[in-house]
Amino acid sequence: MSSAPPPLQLFSVVIPARDEEESLPSTLQDIYDTFSAEKIPHELVVVDDGSRDRTWAVLQELRQTIPTLAPTQNASGAHGFGRAVIWGLDHSRGDAVVIMMADASDSPSDAVTYWRLLNAGNDCAFGSRFVEGGEVIDYPRIKLFVNRIANALVRLGFNIPLNDTTNAFKAYRRTVIDGCRPFLAPHFNLTVELPLKAIVRGYTYAITPISWRNRKFGVAKLKIKEMGSRYFFICAYVWLEKYFSRGDYRRK
């Protein structure tokens, strides 16, 4: 009989940020206040992904008031959402990781729920905005329509209960992150590569309702027209692993 995993020691919040000078102060303060109130040991790993505004300067200023802030600049030589997240994962220290957005679209209280689910023994904590108890606020109609079609196809193709695979806001034990390497997606398609690899490779997960609200500042970085083929490529790649790798990459 397998024993329960040891309690987690540090929750790393990885936040990719490109031109987010207006959003970051309130976003980071809310996460810090919520985690501190819940006594969750954490670090806020914000990755400046080639910003052209004052994002990096704002992060340096916020270090004076948010002691858990650990900003870093993506120096990998290339930019993109996926590359920034991978940089953050590589430069984080926690034995658990949650990926959150810089625009305050993700709720810190939902991240607290993720922490508890991971500590309950789950390898991954996946949120869904589209189950009972979930909520979306000011979601652009066209993006919502495309989102539901894409997630339905993923759910059908992989035969999984998760109906919000494309949302980046998910949490993982460090063992899952290491067990899903190498990562191929340099852009927003990393949001499906991570959870699908985790599921296909046999890691356990819990699904919980979450909320999402549209940004107040700046502009969205996701461009649907640019990402369609990239999402398809990653889904096809992991689908082939699921059905044709004969379990070569499953957790041991």
Protein backbone atom coordinates (compact mmCIF):
# COMPACT_ATOMS: atom_id res chain seq x y z
CA MET A 1 0.00 0.00 0.00
CA SER A 2 1.50 3.34 -1.04
CA SER A 3 1.98 6.00 1.62
CA ALA A 4 0.58 9.53 1.37
CA PRO A 5 2.97 12.12 -0.09
CA PRO A 6 4.62 14.47 2.42
CA PRO A 7 3.05 17.90 3.04
CA LEU A 8 4.03 20.52 0.50
CA GLN A 9 6.54 23.13 1.59
CA LEU A 10 6.35 25.96 -0.95
CA PHE A 11 3.79 27.08 -3.54
CA SER A 12 5.40 28.78 -6.53
CA VAL A 13 3.08 31.13 -8.43
CA VAL A 14 4.40 31.48 -11.98
CA ILE A 15 3.06 34.56 -13.77
CA PRO A 16 4.14 35.42 -17.33
CA ALA A 17 3.93 39.17 -17.94
CA ARG A 18 4.35 41.18 -21.10
CA ASP A 19 3.46 44.88 -20.92
CA GLU A 20 1.43 44.51 -17.72
CA GLU A 21 2.54 47.58 -15.76
CA GLU A 22 -1.05 48.57 -14.93
CA SER A 23 -2.33 45.14 -13.91
CA LEU A 24 0.57 43.83 -11.82
CA PRO A 25 0.28 45.95 -8.64
CA SER A 26 -3.27 44.91 -7.77
CA THR A 27 -2.86 41.36 -9.09
CA LEU A 28 0.23 40.63 -7.01
CA GLN A 29 -1.06 42.39 -3.90
CA ASP A 30 -4.28 40.35 -3.99
CA ILE A 31 -2.40 37.07 -4.31
CA TYR A 32 0.04 38.00 -1.56
CA ASP A 33 -2.71 39.12 0.83
CA THR A 34 -4.82 36.01 0.20
CA PHE A 35 -1.93 33.55 0.58
CA SER A 36 -0.62 35.34 3.66
CA ALA A 37 -4.05 35.23 5.30
CA GLU A 38 -4.22 31.49 4.58
CA LYS A 39 -0.64 31.01 5.81
CA ILE A 40 0.47 29.43 2.53
CA PRO A 41 4.26 29.53 2.09
CA HIS A 42 4.79 30.88 -1.39
CA GLU A 43 6.84 32.80 -3.89
CA LEU A 44 5.57 34.99 -6.72
CA VAL A 45 7.73 34.25 -9.76
CA VAL A 46 6.76 36.93 -12.28
CA VAL A 47 8.47 36.53 -15.65
CA ASP A 48 8.94 39.74 -17.62
CA ASP A 49 8.69 38.45 -21.17
CA GLY A 50 10.28 41.23 -23.16
CA SER A 51 8.00 44.05 -22.01
CA ARG A 52 8.31 47.44 -23.67
CA ASP A 53 6.56 49.38 -20.92
CA ARG A 54 7.49 49.80 -17.23
CA THR A 55 6.71 46.21 -16.25
CA TRP A 56 10.23 45.49 -14.98
CA ALA A 57 10.49 48.80 -13.14
CA VAL A 58 7.10 48.21 -11.51
CA LEU A 59 8.22 44.77 -10.36
CA GLN A 60 11.32 46.25 -8.73
CA GLU A 61 9.15 48.80 -6.91
CA LEU A 62 6.71 46.13 -5.72
CA ARG A 63 9.53 44.16 -4.10
CA GLN A 64 9.54 46.81 -1.38
CA THR A 65 6.00 45.93 -0.28
CA ILE A 66 5.61 42.29 -1.37
CA PRO A 67 8.42 40.28 0.27
CA THR A 68 7.58 37.02 -1.53
CA LEU A 69 7.97 38.58 -4.97
CA ALA A 70 10.78 37.02 -7.02
CA PRO A 71 10.74 38.69 -10.47
CA THR A 72 12.86 37.43 -13.32
CA GLN A 73 13.37 38.33 -16.96
CA ASN A 74 13.03 35.76 -19.70
CA ALA A 75 16.56 35.60 -21.06
CA SER A 76 16.05 32.46 -23.13
CA GLY A 77 16.60 34.37 -26.35
CA ALA A 78 13.01 34.13 -27.57
CA HIS A 79 9.68 35.30 -26.22
CA GLY A 80 6.19 33.84 -26.11
CA PHE A 81 3.71 32.78 -23.44
CA GLY A 82 4.93 29.19 -23.29
CA ARG A 83 8.58 30.17 -23.20
CA ALA A 84 7.89 32.62 -20.36
CA VAL A 85 6.04 29.98 -18.34
CA ILE A 86 8.81 27.42 -18.87
CA TRP A 87 11.36 30.04 -17.80
CA GLY A 88 9.32 30.63 -14.66
CA LEU A 89 9.05 26.91 -13.93
CA ASP A 90 12.81 26.55 -14.34
CA HIS A 91 13.45 29.48 -11.99
CA SER A 92 10.94 28.56 -9.29
CA ARG A 93 11.78 26.72 -6.08
CA GLY A 94 8.47 25.29 -4.92
CA ASP A 95 7.49 21.64 -4.68
CA ALA A 96 4.14 22.76 -6.09
CA VAL A 97 3.42 25.27 -8.85
CA VAL A 98 0.38 27.22 -10.00
CA ILE A 99 0.27 29.18 -13.24
CA MET A 100 -1.68 32.43 -13.01
CA MET A 101 -2.25 35.37 -15.32
CA ALA A 102 -0.93 38.88 -14.70
CA ASP A 103 -4.25 40.53 -15.58
CA ALA A 104 -6.13 39.44 -12.42
CA SER A 105 -8.43 37.14 -14.40
CA ASP A 106 -7.69 34.27 -12.00
CA SER A 107 -8.98 34.28 -8.42
CA PRO A 108 -6.40 33.91 -5.62
CA SER A 109 -9.02 32.10 -3.53
CA ASP A 110 -9.26 29.47 -6.26
CA ALA A 111 -5.48 29.05 -6.06
CA VAL A 112 -5.91 28.39 -2.32
CA THR A 113 -8.32 25.59 -3.23
CA TYR A 114 -5.68 24.20 -5.59
CA TRP A 115 -3.12 24.20 -2.77
CA ARG A 116 -5.48 22.22 -0.57
CA LEU A 117 -6.26 19.73 -3.32
CA LEU A 118 -2.56 19.11 -3.92
CA ASN A 119 -1.96 18.69 -0.20
CA ALA A 120 -4.80 16.16 -0.13
CA GLY A 121 -2.61 13.94 -2.29
CA ASN A 122 -3.57 14.90 -5.84
CA ASP A 123 -0.77 15.37 -8.36
CA CYS A 124 -2.66 18.10 -10.24
CA ALA A 125 -5.50 20.53 -9.53
CA PHE A 126 -7.51 21.58 -12.58
CA GLY A 127 -10.14 24.29 -12.49
CA SER A 128 -13.15 24.59 -14.75
CA ARG A 129 -15.15 27.72 -15.42
CA PHE A 130 -17.88 25.63 -17.01
CA VAL A 131 -19.08 23.29 -14.26
CA GLU A 132 -21.61 23.93 -11.51
CA GLY A 133 -20.16 26.64 -9.27
CA GLY A 134 -17.88 28.02 -11.99
CA GLU A 135 -18.23 31.54 -13.33
CA VAL A 136 -17.09 33.72 -16.23
CA ILE A 137 -17.45 37.50 -16.21
CA ASP A 138 -17.27 39.62 -19.36
CA TYR A 139 -15.99 36.79 -21.55
CA PRO A 140 -15.93 38.00 -25.22
CA ARG A 141 -18.67 36.07 -27.04
CA ILE A 142 -16.59 34.97 -30.02
CA LYS A 143 -13.77 33.72 -27.81
CA LEU A 144 -16.29 31.91 -25.60
CA PHE A 145 -17.80 30.19 -28.63
CA VAL A 146 -14.40 29.09 -29.94
CA ASN A 147 -13.37 28.02 -26.42
CA ARG A 148 -16.33 25.70 -25.96
CA ILE A 149 -15.86 24.05 -29.35
CA ALA A 150 -12.11 23.55 -28.80
CA ASN A 151 -12.57 22.11 -25.32
CA ALA A 152 -15.35 19.79 -26.49
CA LEU A 153 -13.06 18.40 -29.18
CA VAL A 154 -10.22 17.89 -26.70
CA ARG A 155 -12.54 16.22 -24.23
CA LEU A 156 -13.87 13.87 -26.92
CA GLY A 157 -10.49 13.11 -28.46
CA PHE A 158 -8.82 12.25 -25.16
CA ASN A 159 -11.90 10.78 -23.44
CA ILE A 160 -11.46 12.87 -20.30
CA PRO A 161 -13.93 14.56 -17.92
CA LEU A 162 -12.11 17.92 -17.93
CA ASN A 163 -14.03 20.47 -20.01
CA ASP A 164 -11.70 23.47 -19.60
CA THR A 165 -8.33 22.15 -20.72
CA THR A 166 -7.28 25.34 -22.53
CA ASN A 167 -7.29 27.53 -19.41
CA ALA A 168 -3.74 28.15 -18.17
CA PHE A 169 -4.80 28.47 -14.51
CA LYS A 170 -3.86 25.05 -13.14
CA ALA A 171 -1.62 23.68 -10.38
CA TYR A 172 0.87 20.82 -10.31
CA ARG A 173 3.23 19.08 -7.97
CA ARG A 174 6.85 19.55 -8.99
CA THR A 175 7.07 15.83 -9.78
CA VAL A 176 4.45 16.34 -12.49
CA ILE A 177 6.30 19.26 -14.06
CA ASP A 178 9.50 17.24 -14.20
CA GLY A 179 7.65 14.16 -15.43
CA CYS A 180 6.12 16.04 -18.38
CA ARG A 181 9.36 17.36 -19.81
CA PRO A 182 10.48 18.23 -22.39
CA PHE A 183 7.96 20.92 -23.25
CA LEU A 184 7.42 21.69 -26.91
CA ALA A 185 4.89 24.53 -26.93
CA PRO A 186 6.44 28.01 -27.08
CA HIS A 187 3.15 29.89 -27.10
CA PHE A 188 -0.32 29.66 -25.52
CA ASN A 189 -0.54 26.04 -26.63
CA LEU A 190 1.50 25.19 -23.55
CA THR A 191 -1.81 25.56 -21.71
CA VAL A 192 -2.99 22.28 -23.25
CA GLU A 193 0.37 20.51 -23.42
CA LEU A 194 0.85 20.56 -19.65
CA PRO A 195 -2.49 19.13 -18.47
CA LEU A 196 -2.86 16.66 -21.33
CA LYS A 197 0.63 15.26 -20.80
CA ALA A 198 -0.05 14.99 -17.07
CA ILE A 199 -3.26 13.06 -17.70
CA VAL A 200 -1.83 10.83 -20.41
CA ARG A 201 1.23 10.03 -18.31
CA GLY A 202 -0.87 8.80 -15.43
CA TYR A 203 -0.78 11.57 -12.83
CA THR A 204 -3.79 11.99 -10.61
CA TYR A 205 -5.93 15.11 -10.72
CA ALA A 206 -8.92 16.78 -9.14
CA ILE A 207 -11.33 19.13 -10.89
CA THR A 208 -12.86 22.09 -9.07
CA PRO A 209 -15.06 25.01 -10.16
CA ILE A 210 -13.26 28.33 -10.62
CA SER A 211 -14.12 31.87 -11.65
CA TRP A 212 -12.68 34.05 -14.41
CA ARG A 213 -13.08 37.74 -15.14
CA ASN A 214 -11.91 39.78 -18.10
CA ARG A 215 -8.95 42.10 -17.68
CA LYS A 216 -9.38 45.73 -16.60
CA PHE A 217 -6.13 47.03 -18.11
CA GLY A 218 -4.12 46.41 -21.24
CA VAL A 219 -4.97 44.09 -24.10
CA ALA A 220 -5.27 40.32 -24.34
CA LYS A 221 -2.19 38.60 -25.79
CA LEU A 222 -3.95 35.50 -27.15
CA LYS A 223 -4.69 35.72 -30.89
CA ILE A 224 -7.11 32.99 -31.95
CA LYS A 225 -6.16 33.12 -35.65
CA GLU A 226 -2.49 32.61 -34.83
CA MET A 227 -3.00 29.80 -32.32
CA GLY A 228 -5.38 27.36 -34.05
CA SER A 229 -2.77 25.27 -35.84
CA ARG A 230 -0.45 25.39 -32.84
CA TYR A 231 -3.11 24.02 -30.51
CA PHE A 232 -3.88 21.31 -33.06
CA PHE A 233 -0.22 20.33 -33.31
CA ILE A 234 0.21 19.92 -29.56
CA CYS A 235 -3.07 18.03 -29.16
CA ALA A 236 -2.11 15.71 -32.02
CA TYR A 237 1.33 15.16 -30.52
CA VAL A 238 -0.02 14.19 -27.08
CA TRP A 239 -2.86 12.17 -28.66
CA LEU A 240 -0.29 10.07 -30.51
CA GLU A 241 1.56 9.53 -27.23
CA LYS A 242 -1.66 8.43 -25.54
CA TYR A 243 -2.64 5.85 -28.14
CA PHE A 244 0.62 4.75 -29.75
CA SER A 245 3.52 5.07 -27.26
CA ARG A 246 2.55 1.86 -25.44
CA GLY A 247 3.02 3.59 -22.09
CA ASP A 248 6.69 4.42 -22.58
CA TYR A 249 6.26 7.86 -20.98
CA ARG A 250 3.86 7.02 -18.17
CA ARG A 251 4.91 7.66 -14.60
CA LYS A 252 6.76 4.76 -13.07
